[in-house]
Amino acid sequence: MSCMNVPIRLEPICTIPAFHAPEGGATLTLAQRLVSHDRTLLAAFGVEAGTLRGAGIPGMTCGTGSIGRAHRADEFVSLEHSWRAVTPS
């Protein structure tokens, strides 16, 4: 690949294993029961859960708030969303 006749070489320096919680798995089932809904989604970003699963440690990535606010200077999770994440409806 080149840009304006300047050679550019892309070389991965690390990888992050993909994570997908298996449907009906114990961790996903527990998380869904705790929040009283079964909505899940796939996201195109790296999380530690894939690395943990590769080490044999079950994990889950749960989020509150909005991914649109994540990883920004003004990132926050409101107290209301935090409370809803741990309080069964």
N, C-alpha and C. Protein backbone atom coordinates (compact mmCIF):
# COMPACT_ATOMS: atom_id res chain seq x y z
N MET A 1 0.85 -1.16 0.00
CA MET A 1 0.00 0.00 0.00
C MET A 1 0.90 1.23 0.00
N SER A 2 0.51 2.25 -0.73
CA SER A 2 1.29 3.48 -0.70
C SER A 2 0.37 4.68 -0.82
N CYS A 3 0.89 5.79 -0.36
CA CYS A 3 0.16 7.04 -0.40
C CYS A 3 1.15 8.10 -0.88
N MET A 4 0.87 8.70 -2.00
CA MET A 4 1.76 9.72 -2.56
C MET A 4 3.18 9.18 -2.69
N ASN A 5 3.28 7.94 -3.17
CA ASN A 5 4.56 7.29 -3.40
C ASN A 5 5.39 7.09 -2.13
N VAL A 6 4.72 7.06 -0.97
CA VAL A 6 5.40 6.76 0.28
C VAL A 6 4.95 5.36 0.68
N PRO A 7 5.88 4.42 0.75
CA PRO A 7 5.47 3.05 1.10
C PRO A 7 5.00 2.97 2.56
N ILE A 8 3.91 2.27 2.74
CA ILE A 8 3.36 2.05 4.08
C ILE A 8 3.22 0.55 4.28
N ARG A 9 3.76 0.05 5.36
CA ARG A 9 3.65 -1.38 5.65
C ARG A 9 2.83 -1.53 6.93
N LEU A 10 1.76 -2.28 6.86
CA LEU A 10 0.92 -2.55 8.02
C LEU A 10 1.31 -3.91 8.58
N GLU A 11 1.56 -3.94 9.88
CA GLU A 11 1.96 -5.17 10.53
C GLU A 11 1.29 -5.24 11.89
N PRO A 12 0.48 -6.29 12.14
CA PRO A 12 -0.16 -6.38 13.45
C PRO A 12 0.88 -6.57 14.55
N ILE A 13 0.68 -5.87 15.63
CA ILE A 13 1.61 -6.01 16.76
C ILE A 13 0.96 -6.75 17.92
N CYS A 14 -0.36 -6.91 17.87
CA CYS A 14 -1.06 -7.70 18.87
C CYS A 14 -2.43 -8.06 18.33
N THR A 15 -3.07 -9.01 18.97
CA THR A 15 -4.43 -9.38 18.60
C THR A 15 -5.27 -9.48 19.87
N ILE A 16 -6.55 -9.30 19.69
CA ILE A 16 -7.50 -9.44 20.80
C ILE A 16 -8.50 -10.51 20.38
N PRO A 17 -8.59 -11.59 21.16
CA PRO A 17 -9.52 -12.65 20.78
C PRO A 17 -10.97 -12.16 20.79
N ALA A 18 -11.73 -12.61 19.82
CA ALA A 18 -13.15 -12.26 19.77
C ALA A 18 -13.86 -12.88 20.96
N PHE A 19 -14.93 -12.25 21.39
CA PHE A 19 -15.72 -12.80 22.48
C PHE A 19 -17.18 -12.84 22.06
N HIS A 20 -17.78 -13.98 22.25
CA HIS A 20 -19.22 -14.12 22.03
C HIS A 20 -19.74 -15.06 23.11
N ALA A 21 -20.64 -14.55 23.93
CA ALA A 21 -21.21 -15.38 25.00
C ALA A 21 -22.14 -16.41 24.36
N PRO A 22 -21.91 -17.69 24.63
CA PRO A 22 -22.77 -18.71 24.02
C PRO A 22 -24.20 -18.62 24.54
N GLU A 23 -25.14 -18.66 23.62
CA GLU A 23 -26.57 -18.64 23.98
C GLU A 23 -26.85 -19.82 24.90
N GLY A 24 -27.50 -19.55 26.02
CA GLY A 24 -27.82 -20.60 26.97
C GLY A 24 -26.69 -20.92 27.93
N GLY A 25 -25.55 -20.22 27.79
CA GLY A 25 -24.44 -20.43 28.71
C GLY A 25 -24.78 -19.91 30.10
N ALA A 26 -24.14 -20.46 31.11
CA ALA A 26 -24.46 -20.12 32.50
C ALA A 26 -24.24 -18.64 32.81
N THR A 27 -23.15 -18.06 32.31
CA THR A 27 -22.86 -16.65 32.61
C THR A 27 -23.88 -15.73 31.96
N LEU A 28 -24.20 -15.97 30.69
CA LEU A 28 -25.18 -15.15 30.00
C LEU A 28 -26.56 -15.30 30.63
N THR A 29 -26.94 -16.51 30.96
CA THR A 29 -28.24 -16.76 31.58
C THR A 29 -28.35 -16.02 32.91
N LEU A 30 -27.31 -16.06 33.72
CA LEU A 30 -27.31 -15.34 35.00
C LEU A 30 -27.44 -13.84 34.77
N ALA A 31 -26.66 -13.29 33.85
CA ALA A 31 -26.72 -11.85 33.58
C ALA A 31 -28.11 -11.44 33.11
N GLN A 32 -28.71 -12.22 32.23
CA GLN A 32 -30.06 -11.91 31.73
C GLN A 32 -31.09 -11.98 32.84
N ARG A 33 -30.94 -12.93 33.74
CA ARG A 33 -31.88 -13.05 34.87
C ARG A 33 -31.73 -11.85 35.80
N LEU A 34 -30.50 -11.42 36.04
CA LEU A 34 -30.27 -10.30 36.96
C LEU A 34 -30.86 -8.99 36.45
N VAL A 35 -30.86 -8.78 35.14
CA VAL A 35 -31.38 -7.52 34.60
C VAL A 35 -32.79 -7.66 34.04
N SER A 36 -33.37 -8.83 34.15
CA SER A 36 -34.76 -9.09 33.75
C SER A 36 -35.03 -8.83 32.27
N HIS A 37 -34.06 -9.07 31.43
CA HIS A 37 -34.31 -9.06 29.99
C HIS A 37 -33.24 -9.89 29.29
N ASP A 38 -33.51 -10.24 28.05
CA ASP A 38 -32.58 -11.12 27.34
C ASP A 38 -31.95 -10.46 26.12
N ARG A 39 -31.91 -9.14 26.10
CA ARG A 39 -31.32 -8.43 24.97
C ARG A 39 -29.80 -8.55 25.00
N THR A 40 -29.22 -8.92 23.88
CA THR A 40 -27.78 -8.96 23.73
C THR A 40 -27.44 -8.29 22.41
N LEU A 41 -26.19 -7.89 22.26
CA LEU A 41 -25.75 -7.34 20.99
C LEU A 41 -24.28 -7.64 20.80
N LEU A 42 -23.86 -7.59 19.57
CA LEU A 42 -22.45 -7.77 19.24
C LEU A 42 -21.87 -6.39 18.99
N ALA A 43 -20.67 -6.18 19.45
CA ALA A 43 -20.01 -4.89 19.28
C ALA A 43 -18.64 -5.09 18.67
N ALA A 44 -18.24 -4.16 17.84
CA ALA A 44 -16.95 -4.25 17.15
C ALA A 44 -15.87 -3.50 17.90
N PHE A 45 -15.57 -3.97 19.10
CA PHE A 45 -14.47 -3.40 19.87
C PHE A 45 -13.92 -4.48 20.78
N GLY A 46 -12.71 -4.29 21.24
CA GLY A 46 -12.05 -5.31 22.06
C GLY A 46 -12.44 -5.20 23.52
N VAL A 47 -12.64 -6.34 24.15
CA VAL A 47 -12.93 -6.41 25.58
C VAL A 47 -12.10 -7.54 26.18
N GLU A 48 -11.89 -7.49 27.47
CA GLU A 48 -11.08 -8.49 28.15
C GLU A 48 -11.74 -9.86 28.21
N ALA A 49 -13.06 -9.91 28.05
CA ALA A 49 -13.78 -11.18 28.19
C ALA A 49 -13.26 -12.26 27.25
N GLY A 50 -12.85 -11.90 26.03
CA GLY A 50 -12.31 -12.89 25.10
C GLY A 50 -11.00 -13.47 25.59
N THR A 51 -10.14 -12.62 26.15
CA THR A 51 -8.87 -13.09 26.70
C THR A 51 -9.11 -13.99 27.90
N LEU A 52 -10.04 -13.59 28.77
CA LEU A 52 -10.35 -14.41 29.94
C LEU A 52 -10.90 -15.77 29.53
N ARG A 53 -11.80 -15.78 28.54
CA ARG A 53 -12.37 -17.05 28.09
C ARG A 53 -11.27 -17.94 27.54
N GLY A 54 -10.30 -17.37 26.83
CA GLY A 54 -9.18 -18.15 26.31
C GLY A 54 -8.35 -18.79 27.41
N ALA A 55 -8.38 -18.18 28.61
CA ALA A 55 -7.65 -18.72 29.76
C ALA A 55 -8.53 -19.66 30.59
N GLY A 56 -9.74 -19.93 30.10
CA GLY A 56 -10.64 -20.83 30.81
C GLY A 56 -11.45 -20.17 31.91
N ILE A 57 -11.48 -18.84 31.92
CA ILE A 57 -12.23 -18.10 32.94
C ILE A 57 -13.51 -17.57 32.31
N PRO A 58 -14.68 -18.00 32.77
CA PRO A 58 -15.92 -17.50 32.17
C PRO A 58 -16.06 -16.01 32.45
N GLY A 59 -16.55 -15.29 31.48
CA GLY A 59 -16.71 -13.85 31.66
C GLY A 59 -17.87 -13.31 30.86
N MET A 60 -18.16 -12.07 31.11
CA MET A 60 -19.25 -11.39 30.42
C MET A 60 -18.89 -9.92 30.35
N THR A 61 -19.27 -9.26 29.30
CA THR A 61 -19.10 -7.82 29.19
C THR A 61 -20.50 -7.22 29.25
N CYS A 62 -20.75 -6.48 30.30
CA CYS A 62 -22.04 -5.82 30.48
C CYS A 62 -21.80 -4.32 30.47
N GLY A 63 -22.72 -3.60 29.90
CA GLY A 63 -22.53 -2.17 29.86
C GLY A 63 -23.78 -1.41 30.25
N THR A 64 -23.55 -0.24 30.76
CA THR A 64 -24.64 0.68 31.01
C THR A 64 -24.32 1.95 30.26
N GLY A 65 -25.26 2.82 30.17
CA GLY A 65 -24.98 4.06 29.45
C GLY A 65 -24.99 3.83 27.95
N SER A 66 -24.10 4.50 27.26
CA SER A 66 -24.10 4.48 25.80
C SER A 66 -22.69 4.31 25.27
N ILE A 67 -22.51 3.44 24.28
CA ILE A 67 -21.20 3.28 23.66
C ILE A 67 -20.79 4.57 22.96
N GLY A 68 -21.78 5.40 22.60
CA GLY A 68 -21.48 6.69 21.99
C GLY A 68 -20.73 7.63 22.93
N ARG A 69 -20.83 7.37 24.23
CA ARG A 69 -20.12 8.20 25.22
C ARG A 69 -18.82 7.56 25.69
N ALA A 70 -18.61 6.32 25.31
CA ALA A 70 -17.45 5.58 25.81
C ALA A 70 -16.15 6.08 25.21
N HIS A 71 -15.09 6.00 25.99
CA HIS A 71 -13.73 6.31 25.55
C HIS A 71 -13.60 7.73 25.02
N ARG A 72 -14.24 8.65 25.70
CA ARG A 72 -14.16 10.07 25.35
C ARG A 72 -13.76 10.85 26.59
N ALA A 73 -13.36 12.07 26.39
CA ALA A 73 -12.94 12.91 27.53
C ALA A 73 -14.06 13.08 28.54
N ASP A 74 -15.31 13.11 28.07
CA ASP A 74 -16.45 13.32 28.98
C ASP A 74 -17.22 12.03 29.24
N GLU A 75 -16.54 10.89 29.16
CA GLU A 75 -17.20 9.60 29.39
C GLU A 75 -17.76 9.53 30.81
N PHE A 76 -18.98 8.99 30.94
CA PHE A 76 -19.57 8.81 32.25
C PHE A 76 -20.67 7.78 32.16
N VAL A 77 -21.03 7.24 33.29
CA VAL A 77 -22.20 6.39 33.44
C VAL A 77 -23.03 7.03 34.54
N SER A 78 -24.26 7.35 34.22
CA SER A 78 -25.10 8.03 35.21
C SER A 78 -25.43 7.10 36.37
N LEU A 79 -25.71 7.68 37.53
CA LEU A 79 -26.11 6.88 38.69
C LEU A 79 -27.37 6.08 38.40
N GLU A 80 -28.29 6.68 37.64
CA GLU A 80 -29.53 5.98 37.28
C GLU A 80 -29.22 4.71 36.49
N HIS A 81 -28.35 4.80 35.48
CA HIS A 81 -27.99 3.61 34.69
C HIS A 81 -27.23 2.59 35.53
N SER A 82 -26.38 3.06 36.41
CA SER A 82 -25.64 2.14 37.28
C SER A 82 -26.61 1.38 38.19
N TRP A 83 -27.55 2.09 38.75
CA TRP A 83 -28.53 1.44 39.63
C TRP A 83 -29.37 0.44 38.88
N ARG A 84 -29.79 0.79 37.63
CA ARG A 84 -30.59 -0.13 36.83
C ARG A 84 -29.81 -1.39 36.47
N ALA A 85 -28.48 -1.26 36.36
CA ALA A 85 -27.66 -2.41 36.01
C ALA A 85 -27.59 -3.45 37.11
N VAL A 86 -27.81 -3.05 38.36
CA VAL A 86 -27.68 -3.99 39.46
C VAL A 86 -28.99 -4.25 40.20
N THR A 87 -30.06 -3.62 39.76
CA THR A 87 -31.37 -3.77 40.43
C THR A 87 -32.31 -4.51 39.50
N PRO A 88 -32.76 -5.71 39.87
CA PRO A 88 -33.71 -6.42 39.02
C PRO A 88 -34.99 -5.61 38.85
N SER A 89 -35.54 -5.62 37.62
CA SER A 89 -36.78 -4.85 37.39
C SER A 89 -38.00 -5.64 37.77
